[in-house]
Amino acid sequence: MGTQKQSMKPQPKKAQPKKVETKAPQVTSKKK
């Protein structure tokens, strides 16, 4: 359980900033 909690914490934190960064460049690329 200890390993699951540790791998779950970095996943949501890293996924949030990565999703926002990938969405920003995609929208600007499509608009251009």
Protein backbone atom coordinates (compact mmCIF):
# COMPACT_ATOMS: atom_id res chain seq x y z
CA MET A 1 0.00 0.00 0.00
CA GLY A 2 2.94 2.30 0.73
CA THR A 3 4.19 2.02 -2.85
CA GLN A 4 0.73 2.66 -4.30
CA LYS A 5 0.28 5.86 -2.29
CA GLN A 6 3.72 7.14 -3.35
CA SER A 7 3.19 6.43 -7.06
CA MET A 8 -0.32 7.90 -6.92
CA LYS A 9 0.87 11.21 -5.44
CA PRO A 10 3.39 12.10 -8.20
CA GLN A 11 1.00 10.94 -10.93
CA PRO A 12 -1.84 13.47 -10.36
CA LYS A 13 0.59 16.30 -9.56
CA LYS A 14 2.65 15.67 -12.73
CA ALA A 15 -0.40 14.92 -14.87
CA GLN A 16 -2.07 18.23 -14.00
CA PRO A 17 0.78 20.51 -15.16
CA LYS A 18 1.53 18.27 -18.15
CA LYS A 19 -2.10 18.32 -19.35
CA VAL A 20 -2.24 22.12 -19.11
CA GLU A 21 1.06 22.52 -20.94
CA THR A 22 0.08 20.13 -23.74
CA LYS A 23 -3.31 21.83 -24.16
CA ALA A 24 -1.80 25.33 -24.41
CA PRO A 25 0.63 24.56 -27.30
CA GLN A 26 -2.02 22.52 -29.11
CA VAL A 27 -4.56 25.37 -29.07
CA THR A 28 -1.99 27.94 -30.22
CA SER A 29 -0.78 25.60 -32.98
CA LYS A 30 -4.34 25.00 -34.23
CA LYS A 31 -5.22 28.72 -34.09
CA LYS A 32 -2.07 29.62 -36.01
